[in-house]
Amino acid sequence: MQEWQQEHKDMQLTEKQRRVYQFLESYFHKHKQSPTYEEIKTALGFKSLNAVYKHLKQLESKGYLKSRWGNKKRSLELLPLRTSAAKIPFLGYVAAGTPIEPIEVPESIDVPESLLSGENNFALRVTGDSMVDEGIRDGDILIINKQPIAENGQTVVALVKGEATVKKFYARNGHIELIPANEKMPPMVCKPDEVEIVGIVIGLIRSYRQKKL
């Protein structure tokens, strides 16, 4: 897995900013040029081009990229990051869709330290497309910070009656709602004792040439 480098460790990225940066890096590697705003919007599920512009400006202000002009056309240039990789456990697969039985495999992977938070991180590979509007696709690797509680609106990995799923978390009206980021799929409404929070999604790794771990 490619080593990431981070120059401004005091300028940490939000989850969405990190996904934008990762998409830009993957796109540059594959196409040798900048994606358009429309391509970024479509790939990451933003609702408007203005949202794309806002996240790009935030990345630029934090020193992760810069805008430049060539042949009267605006393009983006990623700035090098300086960080080393860390090894974390890879614990199998999680469903972005119908919950699946958790499958653990004895593996570990190297991930950029800039994606990690705290000391109890692990990775899961996504199956399904219920979170595509949050930029989480089938085959992506999620970086999880293990913790038993979540705040409303956070993307979590949860066990529902013993089966694993990734969804948006909301606790309200005496029950738990696990909301997909796909308008074609219904939310899961559960009793509190039916849901166990495994951890919070803090990062994502995508490869255009994925292989099974």
N, C-alpha and C. Protein backbone atom coordinates (compact mmCIF):
# COMPACT_ATOMS: atom_id res chain seq x y z
N MET A 1 0.84 -1.20 0.00
CA MET A 1 0.00 0.00 0.00
C MET A 1 0.88 1.24 0.00
N GLN A 2 0.49 2.21 -0.77
CA GLN A 2 1.30 3.41 -0.96
C GLN A 2 1.48 4.18 0.33
N GLU A 3 2.70 4.65 0.55
CA GLU A 3 2.98 5.47 1.72
C GLU A 3 2.47 6.89 1.49
N TRP A 4 1.79 7.41 2.48
CA TRP A 4 1.31 8.80 2.43
C TRP A 4 2.27 9.66 3.23
N GLN A 5 2.37 10.92 2.84
CA GLN A 5 3.24 11.84 3.55
C GLN A 5 2.42 13.05 3.97
N GLN A 6 2.63 13.49 5.17
CA GLN A 6 1.87 14.63 5.70
C GLN A 6 2.83 15.71 6.16
N GLU A 7 2.63 16.92 5.67
CA GLU A 7 3.50 18.04 5.99
C GLU A 7 2.96 18.86 7.15
N HIS A 8 1.63 19.00 7.22
CA HIS A 8 1.02 19.90 8.22
C HIS A 8 0.23 19.06 9.23
N LYS A 9 0.92 18.49 10.20
CA LYS A 9 0.23 17.62 11.14
C LYS A 9 -0.67 18.41 12.07
N ASP A 10 -0.46 19.72 12.18
CA ASP A 10 -1.35 20.53 12.99
C ASP A 10 -2.61 20.88 12.23
N MET A 11 -2.68 20.55 10.95
CA MET A 11 -3.84 20.85 10.12
C MET A 11 -4.54 19.54 9.76
N GLN A 12 -5.18 18.89 10.70
CA GLN A 12 -5.81 17.61 10.44
C GLN A 12 -7.04 17.78 9.57
N LEU A 13 -7.30 16.76 8.77
CA LEU A 13 -8.44 16.80 7.86
C LEU A 13 -9.68 16.22 8.51
N THR A 14 -10.83 16.75 8.12
CA THR A 14 -12.09 16.12 8.49
C THR A 14 -12.28 14.86 7.65
N GLU A 15 -13.28 14.07 8.01
CA GLU A 15 -13.53 12.83 7.27
C GLU A 15 -13.80 13.13 5.79
N LYS A 16 -14.63 14.12 5.50
CA LYS A 16 -14.96 14.43 4.10
C LYS A 16 -13.77 15.01 3.36
N GLN A 17 -12.98 15.87 4.02
CA GLN A 17 -11.79 16.40 3.38
C GLN A 17 -10.80 15.29 3.05
N ARG A 18 -10.68 14.34 3.95
CA ARG A 18 -9.78 13.21 3.73
C ARG A 18 -10.23 12.39 2.52
N ARG A 19 -11.54 12.20 2.37
CA ARG A 19 -12.05 11.44 1.22
C ARG A 19 -11.81 12.18 -0.09
N VAL A 20 -11.96 13.51 -0.05
CA VAL A 20 -11.68 14.29 -1.26
C VAL A 20 -10.21 14.14 -1.64
N TYR A 21 -9.33 14.26 -0.65
CA TYR A 21 -7.89 14.13 -0.94
C TYR A 21 -7.57 12.75 -1.50
N GLN A 22 -8.15 11.71 -0.91
CA GLN A 22 -7.89 10.35 -1.38
C GLN A 22 -8.39 10.15 -2.80
N PHE A 23 -9.56 10.72 -3.11
CA PHE A 23 -10.06 10.60 -4.48
C PHE A 23 -9.14 11.32 -5.45
N LEU A 24 -8.69 12.52 -5.10
CA LEU A 24 -7.78 13.26 -5.97
C LEU A 24 -6.50 12.47 -6.22
N GLU A 25 -5.95 11.89 -5.15
CA GLU A 25 -4.71 11.13 -5.29
C GLU A 25 -4.91 9.94 -6.23
N SER A 26 -6.01 9.20 -6.04
CA SER A 26 -6.28 8.04 -6.89
C SER A 26 -6.51 8.46 -8.34
N TYR A 27 -7.23 9.57 -8.52
CA TYR A 27 -7.53 10.04 -9.88
C TYR A 27 -6.25 10.49 -10.59
N PHE A 28 -5.40 11.24 -9.88
CA PHE A 28 -4.14 11.67 -10.48
C PHE A 28 -3.29 10.47 -10.88
N HIS A 29 -3.25 9.47 -10.02
CA HIS A 29 -2.44 8.29 -10.28
C HIS A 29 -2.93 7.57 -11.53
N LYS A 30 -4.24 7.52 -11.73
CA LYS A 30 -4.81 6.79 -12.85
C LYS A 30 -4.81 7.60 -14.14
N HIS A 31 -5.15 8.89 -14.07
CA HIS A 31 -5.38 9.69 -15.28
C HIS A 31 -4.28 10.71 -15.57
N LYS A 32 -3.39 10.93 -14.63
CA LYS A 32 -2.29 11.89 -14.80
C LYS A 32 -2.78 13.32 -15.02
N GLN A 33 -3.95 13.64 -14.53
CA GLN A 33 -4.49 14.99 -14.61
C GLN A 33 -5.55 15.19 -13.54
N SER A 34 -5.99 16.43 -13.39
CA SER A 34 -7.00 16.74 -12.37
C SER A 34 -8.38 16.26 -12.80
N PRO A 35 -9.20 15.82 -11.85
CA PRO A 35 -10.61 15.59 -12.16
C PRO A 35 -11.34 16.92 -12.26
N THR A 36 -12.46 16.92 -12.94
CA THR A 36 -13.31 18.11 -12.96
C THR A 36 -14.12 18.18 -11.67
N TYR A 37 -14.68 19.35 -11.39
CA TYR A 37 -15.55 19.48 -10.23
C TYR A 37 -16.73 18.52 -10.33
N GLU A 38 -17.25 18.36 -11.55
CA GLU A 38 -18.39 17.46 -11.74
C GLU A 38 -18.00 16.03 -11.43
N GLU A 39 -16.80 15.62 -11.82
CA GLU A 39 -16.34 14.26 -11.52
C GLU A 39 -16.17 14.06 -10.02
N ILE A 40 -15.65 15.06 -9.33
CA ILE A 40 -15.51 14.96 -7.87
C ILE A 40 -16.89 14.88 -7.23
N LYS A 41 -17.80 15.71 -7.69
CA LYS A 41 -19.17 15.72 -7.15
C LYS A 41 -19.83 14.35 -7.31
N THR A 42 -19.72 13.77 -8.50
CA THR A 42 -20.35 12.48 -8.77
C THR A 42 -19.70 11.36 -7.97
N ALA A 43 -18.37 11.34 -7.93
CA ALA A 43 -17.65 10.25 -7.27
C ALA A 43 -17.89 10.22 -5.77
N LEU A 44 -18.01 11.39 -5.16
CA LEU A 44 -18.10 11.46 -3.70
C LEU A 44 -19.50 11.78 -3.20
N GLY A 45 -20.45 11.93 -4.13
CA GLY A 45 -21.84 12.09 -3.72
C GLY A 45 -22.21 13.45 -3.17
N PHE A 46 -21.46 14.50 -3.53
CA PHE A 46 -21.83 15.84 -3.09
C PHE A 46 -23.09 16.30 -3.83
N LYS A 47 -23.87 17.14 -3.19
CA LYS A 47 -25.14 17.58 -3.77
C LYS A 47 -24.97 18.76 -4.72
N SER A 48 -23.84 19.46 -4.63
CA SER A 48 -23.65 20.64 -5.48
C SER A 48 -22.18 20.84 -5.77
N LEU A 49 -21.90 21.60 -6.83
CA LEU A 49 -20.52 21.96 -7.16
C LEU A 49 -19.95 22.92 -6.13
N ASN A 50 -20.81 23.69 -5.49
CA ASN A 50 -20.36 24.60 -4.45
C ASN A 50 -19.76 23.84 -3.27
N ALA A 51 -20.34 22.68 -2.95
CA ALA A 51 -19.78 21.85 -1.87
C ALA A 51 -18.39 21.35 -2.24
N VAL A 52 -18.21 20.97 -3.51
CA VAL A 52 -16.89 20.55 -3.98
C VAL A 52 -15.90 21.69 -3.82
N TYR A 53 -16.28 22.87 -4.28
CA TYR A 53 -15.40 24.04 -4.19
C TYR A 53 -15.01 24.32 -2.74
N LYS A 54 -15.97 24.22 -1.84
CA LYS A 54 -15.70 24.50 -0.43
C LYS A 54 -14.64 23.56 0.13
N HIS A 55 -14.78 22.26 -0.16
CA HIS A 55 -13.82 21.28 0.37
C HIS A 55 -12.45 21.45 -0.27
N LEU A 56 -12.40 21.79 -1.56
CA LEU A 56 -11.11 22.02 -2.21
C LEU A 56 -10.41 23.24 -1.62
N LYS A 57 -11.17 24.30 -1.35
CA LYS A 57 -10.57 25.49 -0.74
C LYS A 57 -10.05 25.19 0.66
N GLN A 58 -10.75 24.33 1.39
CA GLN A 58 -10.28 23.96 2.73
C GLN A 58 -8.98 23.16 2.64
N LEU A 59 -8.91 22.24 1.67
CA LEU A 59 -7.67 21.49 1.47
C LEU A 59 -6.53 22.42 1.08
N GLU A 60 -6.84 23.40 0.26
CA GLU A 60 -5.81 24.35 -0.17
C GLU A 60 -5.33 25.19 1.01
N SER A 61 -6.26 25.63 1.85
CA SER A 61 -5.89 26.47 2.99
C SER A 61 -5.06 25.71 4.01
N LYS A 62 -5.23 24.39 4.05
CA LYS A 62 -4.48 23.55 4.99
C LYS A 62 -3.16 23.05 4.40
N GLY A 63 -2.90 23.41 3.15
CA GLY A 63 -1.62 23.06 2.55
C GLY A 63 -1.55 21.70 1.91
N TYR A 64 -2.71 21.10 1.59
CA TYR A 64 -2.72 19.78 0.98
C TYR A 64 -2.77 19.82 -0.54
N LEU A 65 -3.18 20.94 -1.11
CA LEU A 65 -3.16 21.09 -2.56
C LEU A 65 -3.10 22.56 -2.90
N LYS A 66 -2.84 22.85 -4.18
CA LYS A 66 -2.89 24.23 -4.65
C LYS A 66 -3.53 24.26 -6.03
N SER A 67 -4.17 25.38 -6.31
CA SER A 67 -4.78 25.60 -7.61
C SER A 67 -3.75 26.23 -8.53
N ARG A 68 -3.79 25.87 -9.79
CA ARG A 68 -2.90 26.49 -10.76
C ARG A 68 -3.64 26.60 -12.09
N TRP A 69 -3.11 27.46 -12.93
CA TRP A 69 -3.74 27.70 -14.23
C TRP A 69 -2.80 27.26 -15.33
N GLY A 70 -3.36 26.59 -16.34
CA GLY A 70 -2.57 26.17 -17.50
C GLY A 70 -3.46 26.16 -18.72
N ASN A 71 -3.01 26.83 -19.78
CA ASN A 71 -3.83 26.91 -21.00
C ASN A 71 -5.23 27.44 -20.69
N LYS A 72 -5.27 28.44 -19.77
CA LYS A 72 -6.53 29.08 -19.39
C LYS A 72 -7.52 28.11 -18.74
N LYS A 73 -7.02 27.02 -18.20
CA LYS A 73 -7.88 26.03 -17.57
C LYS A 73 -7.39 25.78 -16.15
N ARG A 74 -8.31 25.86 -15.20
CA ARG A 74 -7.94 25.67 -13.81
C ARG A 74 -7.68 24.20 -13.53
N SER A 75 -6.60 23.90 -12.82
CA SER A 75 -6.32 22.53 -12.42
C SER A 75 -5.81 22.52 -10.98
N LEU A 76 -5.68 21.34 -10.43
CA LEU A 76 -5.28 21.17 -9.05
C LEU A 76 -3.97 20.41 -8.98
N GLU A 77 -3.18 20.74 -7.98
CA GLU A 77 -1.91 20.06 -7.77
C GLU A 77 -1.83 19.61 -6.32
N LEU A 78 -1.69 18.31 -6.10
CA LEU A 78 -1.54 17.80 -4.74
C LEU A 78 -0.16 18.13 -4.23
N LEU A 79 -0.07 18.57 -3.00
CA LEU A 79 1.21 18.82 -2.37
C LEU A 79 1.63 17.58 -1.60
N PRO A 80 2.93 17.30 -1.56
CA PRO A 80 3.40 16.08 -0.90
C PRO A 80 3.13 16.11 0.60
N LEU A 81 2.73 14.97 1.10
CA LEU A 81 2.53 14.80 2.54
C LEU A 81 3.70 14.01 3.10
N ARG A 82 4.01 14.23 4.35
CA ARG A 82 5.14 13.53 4.94
C ARG A 82 4.67 12.78 6.17
N THR A 83 4.42 11.53 6.01
CA THR A 83 4.06 10.68 7.14
C THR A 83 4.42 9.25 6.81
N SER A 84 4.55 8.43 7.80
CA SER A 84 4.88 7.02 7.59
C SER A 84 3.62 6.19 7.74
N ALA A 85 3.73 4.93 7.36
CA ALA A 85 2.60 4.02 7.47
C ALA A 85 2.62 3.31 8.82
N ALA A 86 1.45 2.94 9.28
CA ALA A 86 1.30 2.17 10.51
C ALA A 86 0.55 0.89 10.19
N LYS A 87 0.85 -0.16 10.92
CA LYS A 87 0.20 -1.45 10.70
C LYS A 87 -0.97 -1.58 11.67
N ILE A 88 -2.16 -1.90 11.14
CA ILE A 88 -3.33 -2.11 11.98
C ILE A 88 -4.01 -3.42 11.58
N PRO A 89 -4.81 -4.01 12.47
CA PRO A 89 -5.48 -5.27 12.13
C PRO A 89 -6.52 -5.09 11.03
N PHE A 90 -6.57 -6.03 10.12
CA PHE A 90 -7.66 -6.13 9.15
C PHE A 90 -8.58 -7.24 9.63
N LEU A 91 -9.82 -6.89 9.98
CA LEU A 91 -10.71 -7.83 10.66
C LEU A 91 -11.84 -8.34 9.79
N GLY A 92 -11.69 -8.26 8.47
CA GLY A 92 -12.67 -8.90 7.61
C GLY A 92 -13.56 -7.92 6.88
N TYR A 93 -14.86 -8.21 6.86
CA TYR A 93 -15.80 -7.52 5.98
C TYR A 93 -16.99 -6.97 6.76
N VAL A 94 -17.53 -5.85 6.26
CA VAL A 94 -18.71 -5.26 6.86
C VAL A 94 -19.66 -4.88 5.74
N ALA A 95 -20.95 -5.04 5.98
CA ALA A 95 -21.94 -4.81 4.94
C ALA A 95 -22.38 -3.35 4.90
N ALA A 96 -22.33 -2.76 3.69
CA ALA A 96 -23.04 -1.51 3.43
C ALA A 96 -24.29 -1.93 2.68
N GLY A 97 -25.23 -2.45 3.41
CA GLY A 97 -26.43 -3.06 2.85
C GLY A 97 -27.05 -3.91 3.94
N THR A 98 -27.53 -5.08 3.59
CA THR A 98 -28.08 -6.00 4.59
C THR A 98 -26.96 -6.48 5.49
N PRO A 99 -27.15 -6.45 6.82
CA PRO A 99 -26.09 -6.91 7.72
C PRO A 99 -25.64 -8.32 7.40
N ILE A 100 -24.33 -8.56 7.57
CA ILE A 100 -23.77 -9.88 7.35
C ILE A 100 -23.12 -10.37 8.63
N GLU A 101 -22.96 -11.67 8.73
CA GLU A 101 -22.28 -12.23 9.88
C GLU A 101 -20.84 -11.76 9.89
N PRO A 102 -20.35 -11.22 11.01
CA PRO A 102 -18.97 -10.72 11.03
C PRO A 102 -17.98 -11.84 10.78
N ILE A 103 -17.02 -11.58 9.90
CA ILE A 103 -16.00 -12.56 9.55
C ILE A 103 -14.65 -11.96 9.87
N GLU A 104 -13.92 -12.55 10.77
CA GLU A 104 -12.60 -12.06 11.11
C GLU A 104 -11.54 -12.93 10.46
N VAL A 105 -10.52 -12.28 9.90
CA VAL A 105 -9.41 -12.99 9.29
C VAL A 105 -8.13 -12.49 9.94
N PRO A 106 -7.15 -13.37 10.14
CA PRO A 106 -5.92 -12.99 10.84
C PRO A 106 -4.96 -12.25 9.91
N GLU A 107 -5.26 -10.98 9.62
CA GLU A 107 -4.43 -10.20 8.71
C GLU A 107 -4.16 -8.83 9.33
N SER A 108 -3.19 -8.13 8.77
CA SER A 108 -2.96 -6.73 9.10
C SER A 108 -2.59 -5.99 7.82
N ILE A 109 -2.79 -4.67 7.82
CA ILE A 109 -2.46 -3.87 6.65
C ILE A 109 -1.73 -2.61 7.09
N ASP A 110 -0.97 -2.04 6.17
CA ASP A 110 -0.30 -0.76 6.42
C ASP A 110 -1.20 0.37 5.93
N VAL A 111 -1.40 1.36 6.76
CA VAL A 111 -2.23 2.51 6.38
C VAL A 111 -1.49 3.79 6.77
N PRO A 112 -1.79 4.91 6.10
CA PRO A 112 -1.15 6.18 6.47
C PRO A 112 -1.49 6.58 7.90
N GLU A 113 -0.49 7.01 8.64
CA GLU A 113 -0.74 7.43 10.01
C GLU A 113 -1.72 8.60 10.09
N SER A 114 -1.77 9.38 9.00
CA SER A 114 -2.69 10.53 8.98
C SER A 114 -4.15 10.11 9.01
N LEU A 115 -4.43 8.83 8.71
CA LEU A 115 -5.81 8.34 8.74
C LEU A 115 -6.23 7.85 10.11
N LEU A 116 -5.28 7.71 11.02
CA LEU A 116 -5.56 7.07 12.30
C LEU A 116 -5.93 8.08 13.37
N SER A 117 -6.63 7.58 14.38
CA SER A 117 -7.03 8.41 15.51
C SER A 117 -7.05 7.53 16.75
N GLY A 118 -6.34 7.95 17.79
CA GLY A 118 -6.29 7.12 18.99
C GLY A 118 -5.39 5.92 18.80
N GLU A 119 -5.55 4.94 19.67
CA GLU A 119 -4.65 3.79 19.68
C GLU A 119 -5.36 2.48 19.35
N ASN A 120 -6.66 2.51 19.09
CA ASN A 120 -7.40 1.27 18.91
C ASN A 120 -8.11 1.30 17.56
N ASN A 121 -7.34 1.26 16.49
CA ASN A 121 -7.87 1.31 15.13
C ASN A 121 -7.78 -0.05 14.47
N PHE A 122 -8.71 -0.30 13.56
CA PHE A 122 -8.67 -1.51 12.75
C PHE A 122 -9.33 -1.23 11.41
N ALA A 123 -9.23 -2.18 10.49
CA ALA A 123 -9.75 -1.98 9.13
C ALA A 123 -10.75 -3.06 8.78
N LEU A 124 -11.74 -2.68 7.96
CA LEU A 124 -12.74 -3.60 7.42
C LEU A 124 -12.96 -3.26 5.95
N ARG A 125 -13.22 -4.29 5.14
CA ARG A 125 -13.56 -4.04 3.75
C ARG A 125 -15.08 -4.03 3.59
N VAL A 126 -15.57 -3.07 2.80
CA VAL A 126 -17.00 -2.87 2.60
C VAL A 126 -17.53 -3.82 1.53
N THR A 127 -18.70 -4.38 1.78
CA THR A 127 -19.46 -5.08 0.75
C THR A 127 -20.83 -4.41 0.65
N GLY A 128 -21.26 -4.09 -0.56
CA GLY A 128 -22.56 -3.46 -0.75
C GLY A 128 -22.45 -1.98 -1.05
N ASP A 129 -23.60 -1.36 -1.35
CA ASP A 129 -23.60 0.03 -1.81
C ASP A 129 -24.60 0.92 -1.07
N SER A 130 -24.92 0.58 0.16
CA SER A 130 -25.91 1.40 0.87
C SER A 130 -25.34 2.73 1.35
N MET A 131 -24.02 2.93 1.26
CA MET A 131 -23.41 4.17 1.75
C MET A 131 -22.75 4.97 0.64
N VAL A 132 -23.18 4.75 -0.60
CA VAL A 132 -22.51 5.40 -1.74
C VAL A 132 -22.63 6.93 -1.70
N ASP A 133 -23.72 7.46 -1.15
CA ASP A 133 -23.88 8.90 -1.11
C ASP A 133 -22.97 9.56 -0.08
N GLU A 134 -22.32 8.77 0.76
CA GLU A 134 -21.30 9.26 1.67
C GLU A 134 -19.91 9.00 1.10
N GLY A 135 -19.84 8.53 -0.15
CA GLY A 135 -18.55 8.25 -0.77
C GLY A 135 -17.95 6.93 -0.37
N ILE A 136 -18.74 6.04 0.24
CA ILE A 136 -18.26 4.71 0.64
C ILE A 136 -18.78 3.70 -0.37
N ARG A 137 -17.85 3.04 -1.07
CA ARG A 137 -18.23 2.13 -2.14
C ARG A 137 -17.90 0.68 -1.81
N ASP A 138 -18.55 -0.20 -2.55
CA ASP A 138 -18.26 -1.63 -2.43
C ASP A 138 -16.78 -1.85 -2.71
N GLY A 139 -16.10 -2.55 -1.80
CA GLY A 139 -14.68 -2.83 -1.95
C GLY A 139 -13.75 -1.87 -1.24
N ASP A 140 -14.26 -0.72 -0.78
CA ASP A 140 -13.42 0.22 -0.05
C ASP A 140 -12.98 -0.39 1.28
N ILE A 141 -11.85 0.07 1.77
CA ILE A 141 -11.38 -0.32 3.10
C ILE A 141 -11.65 0.83 4.06
N LEU A 142 -12.38 0.55 5.12
CA LEU A 142 -12.69 1.55 6.13
C LEU A 142 -11.71 1.45 7.29
N ILE A 143 -11.29 2.59 7.78
CA ILE A 143 -10.48 2.65 8.99
C ILE A 143 -11.41 3.01 10.14
N ILE A 144 -11.41 2.17 11.16
CA ILE A 144 -12.36 2.30 12.27
C ILE A 144 -11.62 2.60 13.56
N ASN A 145 -12.14 3.55 14.33
CA ASN A 145 -11.68 3.74 15.70
C ASN A 145 -12.64 3.00 16.62
N LYS A 146 -12.13 1.99 17.30
CA LYS A 146 -12.99 1.15 18.13
C LYS A 146 -13.46 1.92 19.36
N GLN A 147 -14.79 2.01 19.51
CA GLN A 147 -15.40 2.64 20.68
C GLN A 147 -16.86 2.22 20.76
N PRO A 148 -17.40 2.15 21.97
CA PRO A 148 -18.74 1.58 22.15
C PRO A 148 -19.88 2.59 22.04
N ILE A 149 -19.57 3.87 21.85
CA ILE A 149 -20.62 4.89 21.78
C ILE A 149 -20.42 5.74 20.53
N ALA A 150 -21.51 6.40 20.11
CA ALA A 150 -21.44 7.26 18.92
C ALA A 150 -22.36 8.45 19.12
N GLU A 151 -22.08 9.53 18.41
CA GLU A 151 -22.94 10.70 18.39
C GLU A 151 -23.84 10.65 17.17
N ASN A 152 -25.00 11.27 17.28
CA ASN A 152 -25.93 11.30 16.15
C ASN A 152 -25.24 11.88 14.91
N GLY A 153 -25.44 11.19 13.79
CA GLY A 153 -24.87 11.63 12.53
C GLY A 153 -23.54 11.02 12.18
N GLN A 154 -22.90 10.34 13.14
CA GLN A 154 -21.63 9.70 12.83
C GLN A 154 -21.85 8.41 12.04
N THR A 155 -20.87 8.09 11.20
CA THR A 155 -20.90 6.83 10.46
C THR A 155 -20.25 5.76 11.32
N VAL A 156 -21.00 4.70 11.59
CA VAL A 156 -20.54 3.68 12.54
C VAL A 156 -20.52 2.31 11.90
N VAL A 157 -19.73 1.45 12.50
CA VAL A 157 -19.85 0.01 12.28
C VAL A 157 -20.57 -0.54 13.50
N ALA A 158 -21.66 -1.24 13.27
CA ALA A 158 -22.48 -1.73 14.37
C ALA A 158 -22.84 -3.19 14.14
N LEU A 159 -23.05 -3.88 15.25
CA LEU A 159 -23.60 -5.23 15.21
C LEU A 159 -25.09 -5.14 15.51
N VAL A 160 -25.89 -5.64 14.61
CA VAL A 160 -27.35 -5.67 14.78
C VAL A 160 -27.76 -7.13 14.92
N LYS A 161 -28.15 -7.49 16.13
CA LYS A 161 -28.47 -8.88 16.43
C LYS A 161 -27.33 -9.80 16.00
N GLY A 162 -26.09 -9.33 16.25
CA GLY A 162 -24.91 -10.13 15.96
C GLY A 162 -24.37 -10.04 14.56
N GLU A 163 -25.02 -9.25 13.68
CA GLU A 163 -24.56 -9.13 12.30
C GLU A 163 -24.02 -7.72 12.06
N ALA A 164 -22.96 -7.60 11.25
CA ALA A 164 -22.23 -6.34 11.10
C ALA A 164 -22.76 -5.51 9.94
N THR A 165 -22.83 -4.19 10.17
CA THR A 165 -23.25 -3.27 9.12
C THR A 165 -22.59 -1.91 9.35
N VAL A 166 -22.48 -1.10 8.28
CA VAL A 166 -22.00 0.28 8.39
C VAL A 166 -23.12 1.21 7.96
N LYS A 167 -23.45 2.18 8.83
CA LYS A 167 -24.58 3.08 8.60
C LYS A 167 -24.35 4.39 9.37
N LYS A 168 -25.19 5.38 9.08
CA LYS A 168 -25.26 6.59 9.90
C LYS A 168 -26.05 6.27 11.17
N PHE A 169 -25.59 6.77 12.30
CA PHE A 169 -26.18 6.45 13.60
C PHE A 169 -27.03 7.60 14.12
N TYR A 170 -28.24 7.25 14.58
CA TYR A 170 -29.09 8.22 15.27
C TYR A 170 -29.82 7.51 16.41
N ALA A 171 -29.79 8.12 17.60
CA ALA A 171 -30.55 7.62 18.74
C ALA A 171 -31.64 8.63 19.04
N ARG A 172 -32.91 8.22 18.90
CA ARG A 172 -34.00 9.15 19.13
C ARG A 172 -35.30 8.40 19.38
N ASN A 173 -36.14 9.03 20.19
CA ASN A 173 -37.47 8.49 20.49
C ASN A 173 -37.40 7.07 21.05
N GLY A 174 -36.36 6.81 21.84
CA GLY A 174 -36.26 5.53 22.51
C GLY A 174 -35.81 4.38 21.64
N HIS A 175 -35.33 4.66 20.43
CA HIS A 175 -34.83 3.58 19.58
C HIS A 175 -33.60 4.06 18.81
N ILE A 176 -32.96 3.13 18.13
CA ILE A 176 -31.77 3.41 17.34
C ILE A 176 -32.14 3.34 15.86
N GLU A 177 -31.76 4.36 15.11
CA GLU A 177 -31.92 4.35 13.66
C GLU A 177 -30.55 4.26 13.01
N LEU A 178 -30.39 3.29 12.13
CA LEU A 178 -29.18 3.14 11.34
C LEU A 178 -29.56 3.48 9.90
N ILE A 179 -29.07 4.62 9.43
CA ILE A 179 -29.55 5.21 8.18
C ILE A 179 -28.55 4.97 7.06
N PRO A 180 -28.97 4.38 5.96
CA PRO A 180 -28.08 4.23 4.80
C PRO A 180 -27.92 5.56 4.08
N ALA A 181 -26.83 5.70 3.34
CA ALA A 181 -26.63 6.87 2.48
C ALA A 181 -26.91 6.46 1.04
N ASN A 182 -28.12 5.99 0.84
CA ASN A 182 -28.59 5.55 -0.47
C ASN A 182 -30.11 5.62 -0.44
N GLU A 183 -30.67 6.53 -1.22
CA GLU A 183 -32.11 6.78 -1.15
C GLU A 183 -32.94 5.57 -1.56
N LYS A 184 -32.32 4.58 -2.18
CA LYS A 184 -33.06 3.40 -2.59
C LYS A 184 -33.22 2.39 -1.46
N MET A 185 -32.56 2.64 -0.33
CA MET A 185 -32.57 1.68 0.77
C MET A 185 -33.22 2.26 2.01
N PRO A 186 -34.01 1.47 2.73
CA PRO A 186 -34.71 1.97 3.92
C PRO A 186 -33.80 1.99 5.13
N PRO A 187 -34.12 2.82 6.13
CA PRO A 187 -33.36 2.81 7.38
C PRO A 187 -33.68 1.56 8.19
N MET A 188 -32.78 1.25 9.10
CA MET A 188 -33.00 0.16 10.06
C MET A 188 -33.38 0.79 11.39
N VAL A 189 -34.53 0.42 11.92
CA VAL A 189 -35.01 0.93 13.21
C VAL A 189 -34.95 -0.22 14.21
N CYS A 190 -34.17 -0.03 15.27
CA CYS A 190 -33.88 -1.12 16.20
C CYS A 190 -34.10 -0.68 17.64
N LYS A 191 -34.33 -1.64 18.50
CA LYS A 191 -34.33 -1.39 19.93
C LYS A 191 -32.88 -1.21 20.38
N PRO A 192 -32.64 -0.40 21.41
CA PRO A 192 -31.26 -0.17 21.86
C PRO A 192 -30.51 -1.44 22.19
N ASP A 193 -31.19 -2.44 22.74
CA ASP A 193 -30.49 -3.66 23.11
C ASP A 193 -30.22 -4.58 21.92
N GLU A 194 -30.67 -4.19 20.73
CA GLU A 194 -30.40 -4.97 19.53
C GLU A 194 -29.15 -4.49 18.79
N VAL A 195 -28.60 -3.33 19.22
CA VAL A 195 -27.49 -2.70 18.50
C VAL A 195 -26.28 -2.58 19.42
N GLU A 196 -25.13 -2.99 18.91
CA GLU A 196 -23.86 -2.80 19.60
C GLU A 196 -22.93 -2.00 18.69
N ILE A 197 -22.52 -0.82 19.15
CA ILE A 197 -21.59 0.00 18.38
C ILE A 197 -20.20 -0.61 18.49
N VAL A 198 -19.60 -0.91 17.35
CA VAL A 198 -18.24 -1.45 17.33
C VAL A 198 -17.22 -0.33 17.24
N GLY A 199 -17.52 0.68 16.42
CA GLY A 199 -16.57 1.78 16.27
C GLY A 199 -17.08 2.82 15.29
N ILE A 200 -16.29 3.88 15.14
CA ILE A 200 -16.61 5.02 14.29
C ILE A 200 -15.70 4.99 13.07
N VAL A 201 -16.28 5.23 11.90
CA VAL A 201 -15.48 5.31 10.67
C VAL A 201 -14.70 6.62 10.67
N ILE A 202 -13.36 6.53 10.59
CA ILE A 202 -12.52 7.73 10.62
C ILE A 202 -11.71 7.91 9.34
N GLY A 203 -11.74 6.93 8.46
CA GLY A 203 -10.96 7.05 7.23
C GLY A 203 -11.38 6.01 6.22
N LEU A 204 -10.88 6.18 5.01
CA LEU A 204 -11.24 5.29 3.91
C LEU A 204 -10.07 5.19 2.95
N ILE A 205 -9.83 3.97 2.48
CA ILE A 205 -8.80 3.73 1.47
C ILE A 205 -9.47 3.08 0.28
N ARG A 206 -9.17 3.62 -0.91
CA ARG A 206 -9.74 3.06 -2.13
C ARG A 206 -8.62 2.75 -3.11
N SER A 207 -8.71 1.59 -3.73
CA SER A 207 -7.76 1.22 -4.77
C SER A 207 -8.53 0.92 -6.04
N TYR A 208 -8.02 1.41 -7.16
CA TYR A 208 -8.67 1.12 -8.44
C TYR A 208 -8.30 -0.26 -8.95
N ARG A 209 -7.34 -0.89 -8.31
CA ARG A 209 -7.00 -2.27 -8.64
C ARG A 209 -7.00 -3.05 -7.34
N GLN A 210 -8.20 -3.26 -6.81
CA GLN A 210 -8.33 -3.89 -5.51
C GLN A 210 -8.04 -5.38 -5.61
N LYS A 211 -7.49 -5.91 -4.55
CA LYS A 211 -7.30 -7.34 -4.46
C LYS A 211 -7.70 -7.80 -3.07
N LYS A 212 -8.13 -8.98 -2.97
CA LYS A 212 -8.62 -9.51 -1.70
C LYS A 212 -7.47 -9.65 -0.73
N LEU A 213 -7.70 -9.18 0.50
CA LEU A 213 -6.68 -9.29 1.53
C LEU A 213 -6.68 -10.69 2.13
